[in-house]
Amino acid sequence: MMAFFMPCSKKTDMHADIRSPWLSIVLLLIVLFSSTTLAAKGHIEIESFQLKESGKRFYIDVQADIGLSKTMKQALKKGVDLYFVTRLLIMKPRWYWLNEEVARYKERTTLSYQALTRQYRLVQRGQSQNFPTLKAALQALGHQPDLLIREHTPLLPDTTYTAVLQVWLDVSRLSKPFQLEWLDTQDWNLISEKKIWQVTFPPTPEADNESDYR
C-alpha cells in the first residue's frame, strides 16, 4: 500500500504562524491610533445623572467625562478662558403646539490657566477652585452635584414630562481673534450627545436608570 503526503501543509502553517504576530501588531496599532485620535479631538460624554427632590425643590446630579483637544490645551496655556455650559430642560408635551418649557437648569463654568501659579481654575456658581493639574480640573468640571432646577410653572405630580440634558463648550464666548483663527477647525466642536427621557415628579432613582434615551 502506498501512502501519499502533502508537504505544502507545513508551509501553510508556517505562513500562518508568521502572519499571526504581525496581525496582532497591526490591530494593536489601529486601536492605539484610534484612541490617540479621539483624545486629540477632545470629547464630552455624559456618564450618569440623577434627578432628586430635597426640601420641596428638585435637583440634578451630573457626571460627565470631559477631554480637551490639543488646540484647546494650547489655548488655555496662552491665557484663553474656556466656557462650558450644562443645561437641563424640562418640557411638557403639547399635542396642539410645540412642547412647553416648564423648568430648567443652565449654568456656565469657566476653566482658565493661571500662569503665575501654574494652576488651573474653575469658576462655577459664584465659587472659584484651583487645581494643580488639568486632569484634576476636568474631573471636577465633569462632577456637578446638586444643580438646582428652576421651575417656570410648578412641576405637577403624576404628570409625564420630557427631560433634555446636554453639556458643551460655548465657543461664542471666545474672543474674536481666537474665533477667527481656530473656529474653522473641528478642534473646537466639543458637545455631548443629548440625553432625552421621560420623567414624572417627584422623581425616583429607578427612573434615571432606564435605558429609554434618544
N, C-alpha and C. Protein backbone atom coordinates (compact mmCIF):
# COMPACT_ATOMS: atom_id res chain seq x y z
N MET A 1 0.86 -1.19 0.00
CA MET A 1 0.00 0.00 0.00
C MET A 1 0.89 1.23 0.00
N MET A 2 0.55 2.18 -0.86
CA MET A 2 1.35 3.40 -0.97
C MET A 2 0.68 4.52 -0.18
N ALA A 3 1.48 5.31 0.49
CA ALA A 3 0.97 6.44 1.28
C ALA A 3 1.40 7.74 0.62
N PHE A 4 0.50 8.70 0.57
CA PHE A 4 0.79 9.99 -0.03
C PHE A 4 0.77 11.07 1.07
N PHE A 5 1.70 12.00 0.99
CA PHE A 5 1.81 13.08 1.97
C PHE A 5 1.67 14.44 1.25
N MET A 6 1.21 15.41 1.97
CA MET A 6 1.04 16.76 1.41
C MET A 6 2.07 17.68 2.04
N PRO A 7 3.22 17.87 1.43
CA PRO A 7 4.28 18.67 2.01
C PRO A 7 3.92 20.14 2.15
N CYS A 8 2.91 20.62 1.43
CA CYS A 8 2.56 22.04 1.50
C CYS A 8 1.89 22.41 2.80
N SER A 9 1.40 21.45 3.59
CA SER A 9 0.70 21.76 4.83
C SER A 9 1.61 22.46 5.82
N LYS A 10 2.86 22.03 5.92
CA LYS A 10 3.79 22.68 6.84
C LYS A 10 4.08 24.10 6.40
N LYS A 11 4.17 24.30 5.09
CA LYS A 11 4.44 25.62 4.57
C LYS A 11 3.29 26.58 4.89
N THR A 12 2.07 26.06 4.73
CA THR A 12 0.90 26.87 5.04
C THR A 12 0.86 27.24 6.50
N ASP A 13 1.13 26.25 7.37
CA ASP A 13 1.15 26.53 8.81
C ASP A 13 2.22 27.53 9.16
N MET A 14 3.38 27.42 8.49
CA MET A 14 4.47 28.33 8.77
C MET A 14 4.09 29.75 8.43
N HIS A 15 3.41 29.95 7.27
CA HIS A 15 2.98 31.28 6.88
C HIS A 15 1.94 31.82 7.86
N ALA A 16 1.07 30.93 8.34
CA ALA A 16 0.06 31.36 9.31
C ALA A 16 0.71 31.81 10.60
N ASP A 17 1.78 31.07 11.00
CA ASP A 17 2.48 31.44 12.23
C ASP A 17 3.16 32.79 12.08
N ILE A 18 3.66 33.07 10.86
CA ILE A 18 4.34 34.34 10.63
C ILE A 18 3.34 35.50 10.62
N ARG A 19 2.19 35.24 9.96
CA ARG A 19 1.21 36.32 9.85
C ARG A 19 0.56 36.65 11.18
N SER A 20 0.39 35.67 12.04
CA SER A 20 -0.35 35.87 13.28
C SER A 20 0.23 36.97 14.16
N PRO A 21 1.56 36.98 14.43
CA PRO A 21 2.10 38.08 15.25
C PRO A 21 1.96 39.44 14.58
N TRP A 22 2.18 39.48 13.24
CA TRP A 22 2.06 40.76 12.54
C TRP A 22 0.63 41.26 12.56
N LEU A 23 -0.33 40.35 12.45
CA LEU A 23 -1.74 40.75 12.50
C LEU A 23 -2.07 41.35 13.86
N SER A 24 -1.54 40.75 14.92
CA SER A 24 -1.79 41.27 16.27
C SER A 24 -1.20 42.67 16.43
N ILE A 25 0.00 42.86 15.88
CA ILE A 25 0.66 44.17 15.97
C ILE A 25 -0.14 45.23 15.22
N VAL A 26 -0.61 44.87 14.01
CA VAL A 26 -1.39 45.82 13.22
C VAL A 26 -2.67 46.20 13.94
N LEU A 27 -3.36 45.21 14.50
CA LEU A 27 -4.59 45.50 15.25
C LEU A 27 -4.32 46.39 16.44
N LEU A 28 -3.21 46.13 17.16
CA LEU A 28 -2.85 46.95 18.31
C LEU A 28 -2.57 48.39 17.90
N LEU A 29 -1.86 48.57 16.77
CA LEU A 29 -1.56 49.92 16.28
C LEU A 29 -2.84 50.66 15.90
N ILE A 30 -3.80 49.94 15.31
CA ILE A 30 -5.07 50.55 14.94
C ILE A 30 -5.80 51.05 16.17
N VAL A 31 -5.84 50.21 17.22
CA VAL A 31 -6.52 50.60 18.46
C VAL A 31 -5.84 51.80 19.10
N LEU A 32 -4.49 51.77 19.15
CA LEU A 32 -3.75 52.89 19.76
C LEU A 32 -3.94 54.17 18.97
N PHE A 33 -3.93 54.07 17.64
CA PHE A 33 -4.11 55.25 16.79
C PHE A 33 -5.50 55.83 16.97
N SER A 34 -6.51 54.95 17.06
CA SER A 34 -7.88 55.42 17.24
C SER A 34 -8.04 56.13 18.57
N SER A 35 -7.45 55.56 19.63
CA SER A 35 -7.54 56.17 20.95
C SER A 35 -6.84 57.51 20.98
N THR A 36 -5.68 57.59 20.33
CA THR A 36 -4.93 58.85 20.29
C THR A 36 -5.70 59.91 19.51
N THR A 37 -6.32 59.51 18.40
CA THR A 37 -7.09 60.45 17.60
C THR A 37 -8.27 61.01 18.37
N LEU A 38 -9.00 60.12 19.10
CA LEU A 38 -10.13 60.57 19.89
C LEU A 38 -9.69 61.53 20.98
N ALA A 39 -8.57 61.20 21.63
CA ALA A 39 -8.07 62.05 22.70
C ALA A 39 -7.64 63.41 22.15
N ALA A 40 -7.03 63.43 20.94
CA ALA A 40 -6.57 64.68 20.36
C ALA A 40 -7.73 65.59 19.99
N LYS A 41 -8.86 65.03 19.63
CA LYS A 41 -10.01 65.82 19.22
C LYS A 41 -10.80 66.36 20.41
N GLY A 42 -10.68 65.73 21.56
CA GLY A 42 -11.48 66.13 22.71
C GLY A 42 -12.85 65.46 22.68
N HIS A 43 -13.51 65.43 23.84
CA HIS A 43 -14.80 64.76 23.92
C HIS A 43 -15.53 65.18 25.19
N ILE A 44 -16.85 65.05 25.16
CA ILE A 44 -17.70 65.17 26.35
C ILE A 44 -18.70 64.03 26.30
N GLU A 45 -18.70 63.22 27.32
CA GLU A 45 -19.63 62.09 27.41
C GLU A 45 -20.33 62.14 28.76
N ILE A 46 -21.65 62.24 28.75
CA ILE A 46 -22.43 62.19 29.99
C ILE A 46 -22.51 60.75 30.44
N GLU A 47 -21.87 60.45 31.57
CA GLU A 47 -21.79 59.08 32.04
C GLU A 47 -22.99 58.70 32.91
N SER A 48 -23.48 59.63 33.73
CA SER A 48 -24.61 59.33 34.60
C SER A 48 -25.27 60.63 35.04
N PHE A 49 -26.51 60.52 35.50
CA PHE A 49 -27.23 61.68 36.03
C PHE A 49 -28.38 61.17 36.89
N GLN A 50 -28.84 62.02 37.80
CA GLN A 50 -29.92 61.61 38.68
C GLN A 50 -30.73 62.83 39.11
N LEU A 51 -32.04 62.78 38.89
CA LEU A 51 -32.95 63.78 39.41
C LEU A 51 -33.34 63.40 40.83
N LYS A 52 -33.48 64.40 41.70
CA LYS A 52 -33.84 64.11 43.08
C LYS A 52 -34.58 65.30 43.68
N GLU A 53 -35.24 65.04 44.80
CA GLU A 53 -36.01 66.08 45.50
C GLU A 53 -35.43 66.30 46.88
N SER A 54 -35.36 67.57 47.29
CA SER A 54 -34.89 67.90 48.64
C SER A 54 -35.55 69.21 49.07
N GLY A 55 -36.28 69.14 50.17
CA GLY A 55 -36.93 70.35 50.67
C GLY A 55 -37.90 70.97 49.69
N LYS A 56 -38.67 70.14 49.01
CA LYS A 56 -39.66 70.57 48.03
C LYS A 56 -39.04 71.26 46.81
N ARG A 57 -37.75 71.07 46.63
CA ARG A 57 -37.07 71.55 45.43
C ARG A 57 -36.46 70.37 44.70
N PHE A 58 -36.25 70.56 43.41
CA PHE A 58 -35.71 69.48 42.60
C PHE A 58 -34.30 69.83 42.12
N TYR A 59 -33.44 68.81 42.12
CA TYR A 59 -32.04 68.97 41.74
C TYR A 59 -31.66 67.86 40.76
N ILE A 60 -30.52 68.07 40.11
CA ILE A 60 -29.96 67.01 39.27
C ILE A 60 -28.47 66.90 39.54
N ASP A 61 -27.99 65.67 39.63
CA ASP A 61 -26.55 65.37 39.71
C ASP A 61 -26.10 64.92 38.33
N VAL A 62 -24.99 65.46 37.86
CA VAL A 62 -24.47 65.12 36.54
C VAL A 62 -23.02 64.68 36.65
N GLN A 63 -22.69 63.57 36.02
CA GLN A 63 -21.32 63.09 35.94
C GLN A 63 -20.95 62.94 34.47
N ALA A 64 -19.92 63.69 34.04
CA ALA A 64 -19.52 63.66 32.63
C ALA A 64 -18.01 63.46 32.53
N ASP A 65 -17.61 62.79 31.47
CA ASP A 65 -16.18 62.61 31.16
C ASP A 65 -15.83 63.65 30.10
N ILE A 66 -14.87 64.54 30.42
CA ILE A 66 -14.53 65.65 29.54
C ILE A 66 -13.05 65.60 29.20
N GLY A 67 -12.74 65.68 27.92
CA GLY A 67 -11.35 65.73 27.46
C GLY A 67 -11.18 66.86 26.46
N LEU A 68 -10.05 67.56 26.51
CA LEU A 68 -9.80 68.68 25.63
C LEU A 68 -8.92 68.28 24.45
N SER A 69 -9.11 68.94 23.34
CA SER A 69 -8.24 68.73 22.19
C SER A 69 -6.89 69.40 22.45
N LYS A 70 -5.92 69.06 21.64
CA LYS A 70 -4.60 69.66 21.76
C LYS A 70 -4.67 71.17 21.58
N THR A 71 -5.52 71.62 20.64
CA THR A 71 -5.66 73.05 20.38
C THR A 71 -6.22 73.77 21.60
N MET A 72 -7.19 73.16 22.27
CA MET A 72 -7.78 73.77 23.46
C MET A 72 -6.76 73.88 24.59
N LYS A 73 -5.95 72.84 24.75
CA LYS A 73 -4.92 72.86 25.78
C LYS A 73 -3.91 73.98 25.52
N GLN A 74 -3.54 74.15 24.26
CA GLN A 74 -2.61 75.21 23.90
C GLN A 74 -3.23 76.58 24.15
N ALA A 75 -4.52 76.72 23.84
CA ALA A 75 -5.21 77.99 24.06
C ALA A 75 -5.26 78.34 25.54
N LEU A 76 -5.53 77.34 26.38
CA LEU A 76 -5.54 77.55 27.82
C LEU A 76 -4.20 78.10 28.31
N LYS A 77 -3.13 77.48 27.86
CA LYS A 77 -1.80 77.90 28.28
C LYS A 77 -1.48 79.33 27.81
N LYS A 78 -2.14 79.77 26.73
CA LYS A 78 -1.94 81.12 26.22
C LYS A 78 -2.84 82.14 26.89
N GLY A 79 -3.64 81.69 27.86
CA GLY A 79 -4.48 82.62 28.60
C GLY A 79 -5.90 82.73 28.13
N VAL A 80 -6.36 81.80 27.27
CA VAL A 80 -7.73 81.81 26.78
C VAL A 80 -8.63 81.07 27.77
N ASP A 81 -9.68 81.73 28.24
CA ASP A 81 -10.65 81.09 29.12
C ASP A 81 -11.62 80.24 28.29
N LEU A 82 -11.97 79.05 28.81
CA LEU A 82 -12.94 78.17 28.15
C LEU A 82 -14.21 78.14 28.98
N TYR A 83 -15.35 78.22 28.29
CA TYR A 83 -16.64 78.29 28.97
C TYR A 83 -17.47 77.05 28.62
N PHE A 84 -17.85 76.31 29.65
CA PHE A 84 -18.64 75.10 29.46
C PHE A 84 -20.06 75.33 30.00
N VAL A 85 -21.03 74.84 29.25
CA VAL A 85 -22.43 75.01 29.63
C VAL A 85 -23.05 73.65 29.93
N THR A 86 -23.74 73.57 31.06
CA THR A 86 -24.55 72.40 31.39
C THR A 86 -26.01 72.85 31.41
N ARG A 87 -26.85 72.18 30.64
CA ARG A 87 -28.25 72.62 30.56
C ARG A 87 -29.20 71.43 30.63
N LEU A 88 -30.20 71.57 31.49
CA LEU A 88 -31.30 70.61 31.59
C LEU A 88 -32.60 71.34 31.31
N LEU A 89 -33.39 70.82 30.39
CA LEU A 89 -34.71 71.36 30.09
C LEU A 89 -35.77 70.35 30.49
N ILE A 90 -36.81 70.83 31.15
CA ILE A 90 -37.98 70.00 31.46
C ILE A 90 -39.13 70.53 30.62
N MET A 91 -39.63 69.68 29.72
CA MET A 91 -40.63 70.10 28.76
C MET A 91 -41.95 69.36 29.01
N LYS A 92 -43.05 70.10 28.84
CA LYS A 92 -44.38 69.49 28.93
C LYS A 92 -44.91 69.28 27.51
N PRO A 93 -45.13 68.02 27.12
CA PRO A 93 -45.61 67.77 25.75
C PRO A 93 -46.99 68.38 25.51
N ARG A 94 -47.17 68.95 24.31
CA ARG A 94 -48.46 69.51 23.91
C ARG A 94 -48.78 69.01 22.51
N TRP A 95 -49.92 68.36 22.36
CA TRP A 95 -50.27 67.76 21.08
C TRP A 95 -50.63 68.81 20.03
N TYR A 96 -51.05 70.00 20.48
CA TYR A 96 -51.53 71.01 19.54
C TYR A 96 -50.48 72.05 19.18
N TRP A 97 -49.31 72.00 19.84
CA TRP A 97 -48.29 73.01 19.58
C TRP A 97 -46.93 72.46 20.02
N LEU A 98 -45.89 73.29 19.97
CA LEU A 98 -44.58 72.87 20.43
C LEU A 98 -44.59 72.60 21.93
N ASN A 99 -43.67 71.73 22.36
CA ASN A 99 -43.59 71.43 23.78
C ASN A 99 -43.32 72.70 24.58
N GLU A 100 -43.88 72.76 25.77
CA GLU A 100 -43.73 73.92 26.64
C GLU A 100 -42.61 73.69 27.65
N GLU A 101 -41.66 74.62 27.73
CA GLU A 101 -40.61 74.53 28.74
C GLU A 101 -41.16 74.99 30.09
N VAL A 102 -41.15 74.09 31.07
CA VAL A 102 -41.72 74.40 32.38
C VAL A 102 -40.66 74.55 33.47
N ALA A 103 -39.43 74.06 33.20
CA ALA A 103 -38.35 74.19 34.19
C ALA A 103 -37.03 73.99 33.48
N ARG A 104 -35.95 74.51 34.11
CA ARG A 104 -34.64 74.34 33.51
C ARG A 104 -33.55 74.53 34.55
N TYR A 105 -32.39 73.99 34.19
CA TYR A 105 -31.14 74.35 34.87
C TYR A 105 -30.15 74.69 33.77
N LYS A 106 -29.48 75.83 33.93
CA LYS A 106 -28.44 76.21 32.97
C LYS A 106 -27.35 76.96 33.71
N GLU A 107 -26.14 76.48 33.58
CA GLU A 107 -25.00 77.08 34.28
C GLU A 107 -23.79 77.09 33.36
N ARG A 108 -23.03 78.19 33.43
CA ARG A 108 -21.80 78.30 32.66
C ARG A 108 -20.62 78.23 33.62
N THR A 109 -19.67 77.33 33.33
CA THR A 109 -18.48 77.16 34.15
C THR A 109 -17.26 77.62 33.36
N THR A 110 -16.40 78.40 34.00
CA THR A 110 -15.21 78.93 33.34
C THR A 110 -13.98 78.14 33.76
N LEU A 111 -13.23 77.69 32.77
CA LEU A 111 -11.95 77.00 33.01
C LEU A 111 -10.83 77.88 32.48
N SER A 112 -9.84 78.15 33.33
CA SER A 112 -8.73 79.01 32.93
C SER A 112 -7.43 78.47 33.51
N TYR A 113 -6.32 79.01 32.99
CA TYR A 113 -4.99 78.63 33.47
C TYR A 113 -4.30 79.87 34.01
N GLN A 114 -3.77 79.74 35.25
CA GLN A 114 -3.07 80.84 35.89
C GLN A 114 -1.56 80.64 35.73
N ALA A 115 -0.95 81.43 34.86
CA ALA A 115 0.46 81.23 34.53
C ALA A 115 1.38 81.48 35.73
N LEU A 116 1.05 82.45 36.58
CA LEU A 116 1.92 82.77 37.72
C LEU A 116 1.99 81.63 38.72
N THR A 117 0.85 81.01 39.00
CA THR A 117 0.81 79.92 39.98
C THR A 117 0.88 78.55 39.33
N ARG A 118 0.79 78.51 37.98
CA ARG A 118 0.80 77.25 37.23
C ARG A 118 -0.32 76.32 37.71
N GLN A 119 -1.48 76.91 37.91
CA GLN A 119 -2.65 76.15 38.33
C GLN A 119 -3.82 76.43 37.40
N TYR A 120 -4.75 75.46 37.39
CA TYR A 120 -5.98 75.61 36.62
C TYR A 120 -7.10 76.04 37.56
N ARG A 121 -7.97 76.90 37.06
CA ARG A 121 -9.03 77.44 37.90
C ARG A 121 -10.39 77.19 37.29
N LEU A 122 -11.34 76.77 38.14
CA LEU A 122 -12.74 76.62 37.76
C LEU A 122 -13.56 77.65 38.52
N VAL A 123 -14.44 78.34 37.80
CA VAL A 123 -15.37 79.27 38.43
C VAL A 123 -16.78 78.82 38.07
N GLN A 124 -17.53 78.44 39.10
CA GLN A 124 -18.88 77.91 38.88
C GLN A 124 -19.77 78.29 40.06
N ARG A 125 -20.97 78.76 39.74
CA ARG A 125 -21.95 79.14 40.75
C ARG A 125 -21.35 80.12 41.78
N GLY A 126 -20.55 81.04 41.28
CA GLY A 126 -20.01 82.08 42.13
C GLY A 126 -18.83 81.65 42.99
N GLN A 127 -18.35 80.43 42.80
CA GLN A 127 -17.23 79.94 43.60
C GLN A 127 -16.06 79.58 42.69
N SER A 128 -14.85 79.77 43.24
CA SER A 128 -13.63 79.52 42.48
C SER A 128 -12.83 78.41 43.15
N GLN A 129 -12.27 77.51 42.33
CA GLN A 129 -11.43 76.42 42.82
C GLN A 129 -10.17 76.34 41.97
N ASN A 130 -9.03 76.07 42.61
CA ASN A 130 -7.77 75.91 41.91
C ASN A 130 -7.32 74.46 41.94
N PHE A 131 -6.66 74.02 40.85
CA PHE A 131 -6.22 72.63 40.74
C PHE A 131 -4.80 72.61 40.19
N PRO A 132 -3.97 71.68 40.68
CA PRO A 132 -2.57 71.63 40.23
C PRO A 132 -2.40 71.08 38.82
N THR A 133 -3.37 70.29 38.34
CA THR A 133 -3.25 69.68 37.01
C THR A 133 -4.55 69.87 36.23
N LEU A 134 -4.43 69.79 34.91
CA LEU A 134 -5.61 69.89 34.05
C LEU A 134 -6.53 68.69 34.27
N LYS A 135 -5.95 67.53 34.49
CA LYS A 135 -6.76 66.33 34.73
C LYS A 135 -7.66 66.50 35.94
N ALA A 136 -7.12 67.04 37.02
CA ALA A 136 -7.92 67.25 38.23
C ALA A 136 -9.02 68.28 37.98
N ALA A 137 -8.70 69.33 37.21
CA ALA A 137 -9.69 70.36 36.92
C ALA A 137 -10.84 69.79 36.07
N LEU A 138 -10.51 68.96 35.09
CA LEU A 138 -11.54 68.37 34.23
C LEU A 138 -12.40 67.37 34.99
N GLN A 139 -11.80 66.66 35.93
CA GLN A 139 -12.59 65.74 36.76
C GLN A 139 -13.60 66.52 37.60
N ALA A 140 -13.17 67.64 38.16
CA ALA A 140 -14.08 68.47 38.94
C ALA A 140 -15.14 69.10 38.05
N LEU A 141 -14.75 69.49 36.85
CA LEU A 141 -15.71 70.07 35.90
C LEU A 141 -16.78 69.06 35.52
N GLY A 142 -16.41 67.80 35.38
CA GLY A 142 -17.36 66.77 35.00
C GLY A 142 -18.27 66.33 36.12
N HIS A 143 -17.85 66.57 37.38
CA HIS A 143 -18.66 66.16 38.54
C HIS A 143 -19.45 67.36 39.04
N GLN A 144 -20.75 67.37 38.75
CA GLN A 144 -21.60 68.51 39.11
C GLN A 144 -22.82 68.02 39.89
N PRO A 145 -22.74 68.04 41.21
CA PRO A 145 -23.85 67.58 42.03
C PRO A 145 -24.76 68.74 42.45
N ASP A 146 -25.99 68.39 42.82
CA ASP A 146 -26.93 69.33 43.44
C ASP A 146 -27.17 70.58 42.59
N LEU A 147 -27.48 70.39 41.32
CA LEU A 147 -27.80 71.52 40.45
C LEU A 147 -29.29 71.82 40.58
N LEU A 148 -29.60 73.03 41.04
CA LEU A 148 -30.98 73.39 41.33
C LEU A 148 -31.77 73.65 40.05
N ILE A 149 -32.90 72.96 39.90
CA ILE A 149 -33.78 73.14 38.75
C ILE A 149 -34.76 74.26 39.07
N ARG A 150 -34.81 75.26 38.22
CA ARG A 150 -35.70 76.41 38.42
C ARG A 150 -37.00 76.18 37.65
N GLU A 151 -38.09 76.25 38.38
CA GLU A 151 -39.41 75.98 37.79
C GLU A 151 -40.04 77.27 37.27
N HIS A 152 -40.46 77.26 36.00
CA HIS A 152 -41.24 78.38 35.46
C HIS A 152 -42.69 78.26 35.93
N THR A 153 -43.18 77.05 35.90
CA THR A 153 -44.50 76.73 36.45
C THR A 153 -44.33 75.50 37.33
N PRO A 154 -45.17 75.31 38.34
CA PRO A 154 -45.00 74.17 39.25
C PRO A 154 -44.99 72.83 38.51
N LEU A 155 -44.04 71.97 38.89
CA LEU A 155 -43.98 70.62 38.32
C LEU A 155 -45.01 69.76 39.04
N LEU A 156 -45.99 69.30 38.29
CA LEU A 156 -47.13 68.61 38.87
C LEU A 156 -46.83 67.13 39.09
N PRO A 157 -47.35 66.56 40.18
CA PRO A 157 -47.14 65.12 40.41
C PRO A 157 -47.96 64.30 39.41
N ASP A 158 -47.46 63.09 39.16
CA ASP A 158 -48.15 62.15 38.27
C ASP A 158 -48.37 62.71 36.87
N THR A 159 -47.49 63.61 36.45
CA THR A 159 -47.54 64.17 35.11
C THR A 159 -46.24 63.81 34.39
N THR A 160 -46.34 63.34 33.17
CA THR A 160 -45.15 62.93 32.43
C THR A 160 -44.56 64.13 31.68
N TYR A 161 -43.26 64.35 31.92
CA TYR A 161 -42.53 65.42 31.26
C TYR A 161 -41.39 64.81 30.45
N THR A 162 -40.88 65.60 29.52
CA THR A 162 -39.70 65.21 28.75
C THR A 162 -38.50 66.01 29.26
N ALA A 163 -37.42 65.30 29.61
CA ALA A 163 -36.20 65.94 30.09
C ALA A 163 -35.12 65.85 29.02
N VAL A 164 -34.38 66.95 28.85
CA VAL A 164 -33.31 67.03 27.86
C VAL A 164 -32.06 67.57 28.54
N LEU A 165 -30.98 66.78 28.53
CA LEU A 165 -29.74 67.15 29.21
C LEU A 165 -28.59 67.17 28.20
N GLN A 166 -27.75 68.22 28.28
CA GLN A 166 -26.61 68.32 27.37
C GLN A 166 -25.52 69.19 27.99
N VAL A 167 -24.25 68.89 27.64
CA VAL A 167 -23.09 69.65 28.10
C VAL A 167 -22.27 70.01 26.87
N TRP A 168 -21.78 71.28 26.79
CA TRP A 168 -21.00 71.67 25.62
C TRP A 168 -20.05 72.82 25.95
N LEU A 169 -19.10 73.02 25.04
CA LEU A 169 -18.18 74.16 25.11
C LEU A 169 -18.80 75.32 24.36
N ASP A 170 -18.94 76.46 25.04
CA ASP A 170 -19.58 77.64 24.45
C ASP A 170 -18.53 78.46 23.71
N VAL A 171 -18.38 78.19 22.42
CA VAL A 171 -17.37 78.89 21.62
C VAL A 171 -17.75 80.34 21.35
N SER A 172 -19.01 80.68 21.55
CA SER A 172 -19.44 82.06 21.30
C SER A 172 -18.85 83.03 22.32
N ARG A 173 -18.35 82.51 23.44
CA ARG A 173 -17.76 83.36 24.46
C ARG A 173 -16.26 83.59 24.25
N LEU A 174 -15.67 82.92 23.28
CA LEU A 174 -14.26 83.15 22.99
C LEU A 174 -14.06 84.53 22.38
N SER A 175 -12.88 85.09 22.57
CA SER A 175 -12.59 86.39 21.98
C SER A 175 -12.55 86.27 20.47
N LYS A 176 -12.86 87.35 19.76
CA LYS A 176 -12.97 87.33 18.30
C LYS A 176 -11.69 86.86 17.61
N PRO A 177 -10.49 87.30 18.03
CA PRO A 177 -9.29 86.80 17.34
C PRO A 177 -9.17 85.29 17.35
N PHE A 178 -9.51 84.66 18.48
CA PHE A 178 -9.42 83.20 18.55
C PHE A 178 -10.52 82.54 17.73
N GLN A 179 -11.70 83.18 17.67
CA GLN A 179 -12.76 82.62 16.83
C GLN A 179 -12.33 82.61 15.37
N LEU A 180 -11.73 83.70 14.91
CA LEU A 180 -11.31 83.80 13.52
C LEU A 180 -10.18 82.84 13.20
N GLU A 181 -9.30 82.59 14.18
CA GLU A 181 -8.13 81.75 13.93
C GLU A 181 -8.43 80.28 13.99
N TRP A 182 -9.32 79.87 14.91
CA TRP A 182 -9.45 78.44 15.20
C TRP A 182 -10.82 77.84 14.91
N LEU A 183 -11.87 78.64 14.85
CA LEU A 183 -13.19 78.04 14.79
C LEU A 183 -13.54 77.41 13.45
N ASP A 184 -12.62 77.50 12.48
CA ASP A 184 -12.86 76.81 11.21
C ASP A 184 -12.37 75.37 11.27
N THR A 185 -11.90 74.92 12.41
CA THR A 185 -11.44 73.55 12.57
C THR A 185 -12.41 72.78 13.47
N GLN A 186 -12.28 71.45 13.45
CA GLN A 186 -13.12 70.59 14.28
C GLN A 186 -12.62 70.49 15.72
N ASP A 187 -11.46 71.10 15.99
CA ASP A 187 -10.89 71.00 17.33
C ASP A 187 -11.76 71.66 18.39
N TRP A 188 -12.62 72.58 17.97
CA TRP A 188 -13.45 73.32 18.91
C TRP A 188 -14.89 72.81 18.97
N ASN A 189 -15.19 71.79 18.23
CA ASN A 189 -16.55 71.22 18.24
C ASN A 189 -16.66 70.23 19.38
N LEU A 190 -16.97 70.75 20.56
CA LEU A 190 -16.98 69.93 21.77
C LEU A 190 -18.37 69.97 22.38
N ILE A 191 -19.13 68.89 22.21
CA ILE A 191 -20.51 68.85 22.69
C ILE A 191 -20.91 67.40 22.93
N SER A 192 -21.67 67.19 23.99
CA SER A 192 -22.13 65.84 24.30
C SER A 192 -23.38 65.51 23.50
N GLU A 193 -23.68 64.23 23.42
CA GLU A 193 -24.98 63.83 22.87
C GLU A 193 -26.08 64.23 23.85
N LYS A 194 -27.25 64.51 23.31
CA LYS A 194 -28.38 64.84 24.17
C LYS A 194 -28.89 63.59 24.87
N LYS A 195 -29.18 63.72 26.15
CA LYS A 195 -29.88 62.68 26.88
C LYS A 195 -31.34 63.12 27.00
N ILE A 196 -32.23 62.35 26.41
CA ILE A 196 -33.66 62.69 26.40
C ILE A 196 -34.43 61.52 26.99
N TRP A 197 -35.26 61.80 27.99
CA TRP A 197 -36.02 60.73 28.63
C TRP A 197 -37.30 61.29 29.25
N GLN A 198 -38.19 60.40 29.60
CA GLN A 198 -39.46 60.76 30.23
C GLN A 198 -39.33 60.67 31.74
N VAL A 199 -39.91 61.65 32.44
CA VAL A 199 -39.79 61.70 33.89
C VAL A 199 -41.09 62.20 34.51
N THR A 200 -41.39 61.69 35.69
CA THR A 200 -42.51 62.19 36.48
C THR A 200 -41.97 62.71 37.81
N PHE A 201 -42.70 63.61 38.44
CA PHE A 201 -42.29 64.18 39.71
C PHE A 201 -43.27 63.79 40.81
N PRO A 202 -42.74 63.50 42.01
CA PRO A 202 -41.31 63.51 42.36
C PRO A 202 -40.57 62.36 41.69
N PRO A 203 -39.32 62.60 41.30
CA PRO A 203 -38.56 61.56 40.57
C PRO A 203 -38.13 60.44 41.50
N THR A 204 -37.91 59.28 40.93
CA THR A 204 -37.39 58.13 41.68
C THR A 204 -36.03 57.74 41.13
N PRO A 205 -35.13 57.19 41.94
CA PRO A 205 -33.81 56.78 41.44
C PRO A 205 -33.90 55.79 40.30
N GLU A 206 -34.92 54.91 40.34
CA GLU A 206 -35.05 53.91 39.29
C GLU A 206 -35.31 54.56 37.94
N ALA A 207 -36.01 55.71 37.92
CA ALA A 207 -36.35 56.34 36.66
C ALA A 207 -35.12 56.81 35.89
N ASP A 208 -34.06 57.20 36.61
CA ASP A 208 -32.87 57.70 35.95
C ASP A 208 -32.01 56.58 35.39
N ASN A 209 -32.29 55.34 35.77
CA ASN A 209 -31.51 54.22 35.29
C ASN A 209 -32.16 53.55 34.08
N GLU A 210 -33.27 54.07 33.63
CA GLU A 210 -33.93 53.49 32.45
C GLU A 210 -33.08 53.74 31.21
N SER A 211 -33.20 52.85 30.24
CA SER A 211 -32.38 52.96 29.03
C SER A 211 -33.16 53.56 27.86
N ASP A 212 -34.33 54.14 28.14
CA ASP A 212 -35.16 54.69 27.07
C ASP A 212 -34.74 56.12 26.74
N TYR A 213 -33.51 56.28 26.25
CA TYR A 213 -32.99 57.58 25.85
C TYR A 213 -32.99 57.64 24.33
N ARG A 214 -32.96 58.87 23.82
CA ARG A 214 -32.85 59.02 22.37
C ARG A 214 -32.12 60.31 22.03
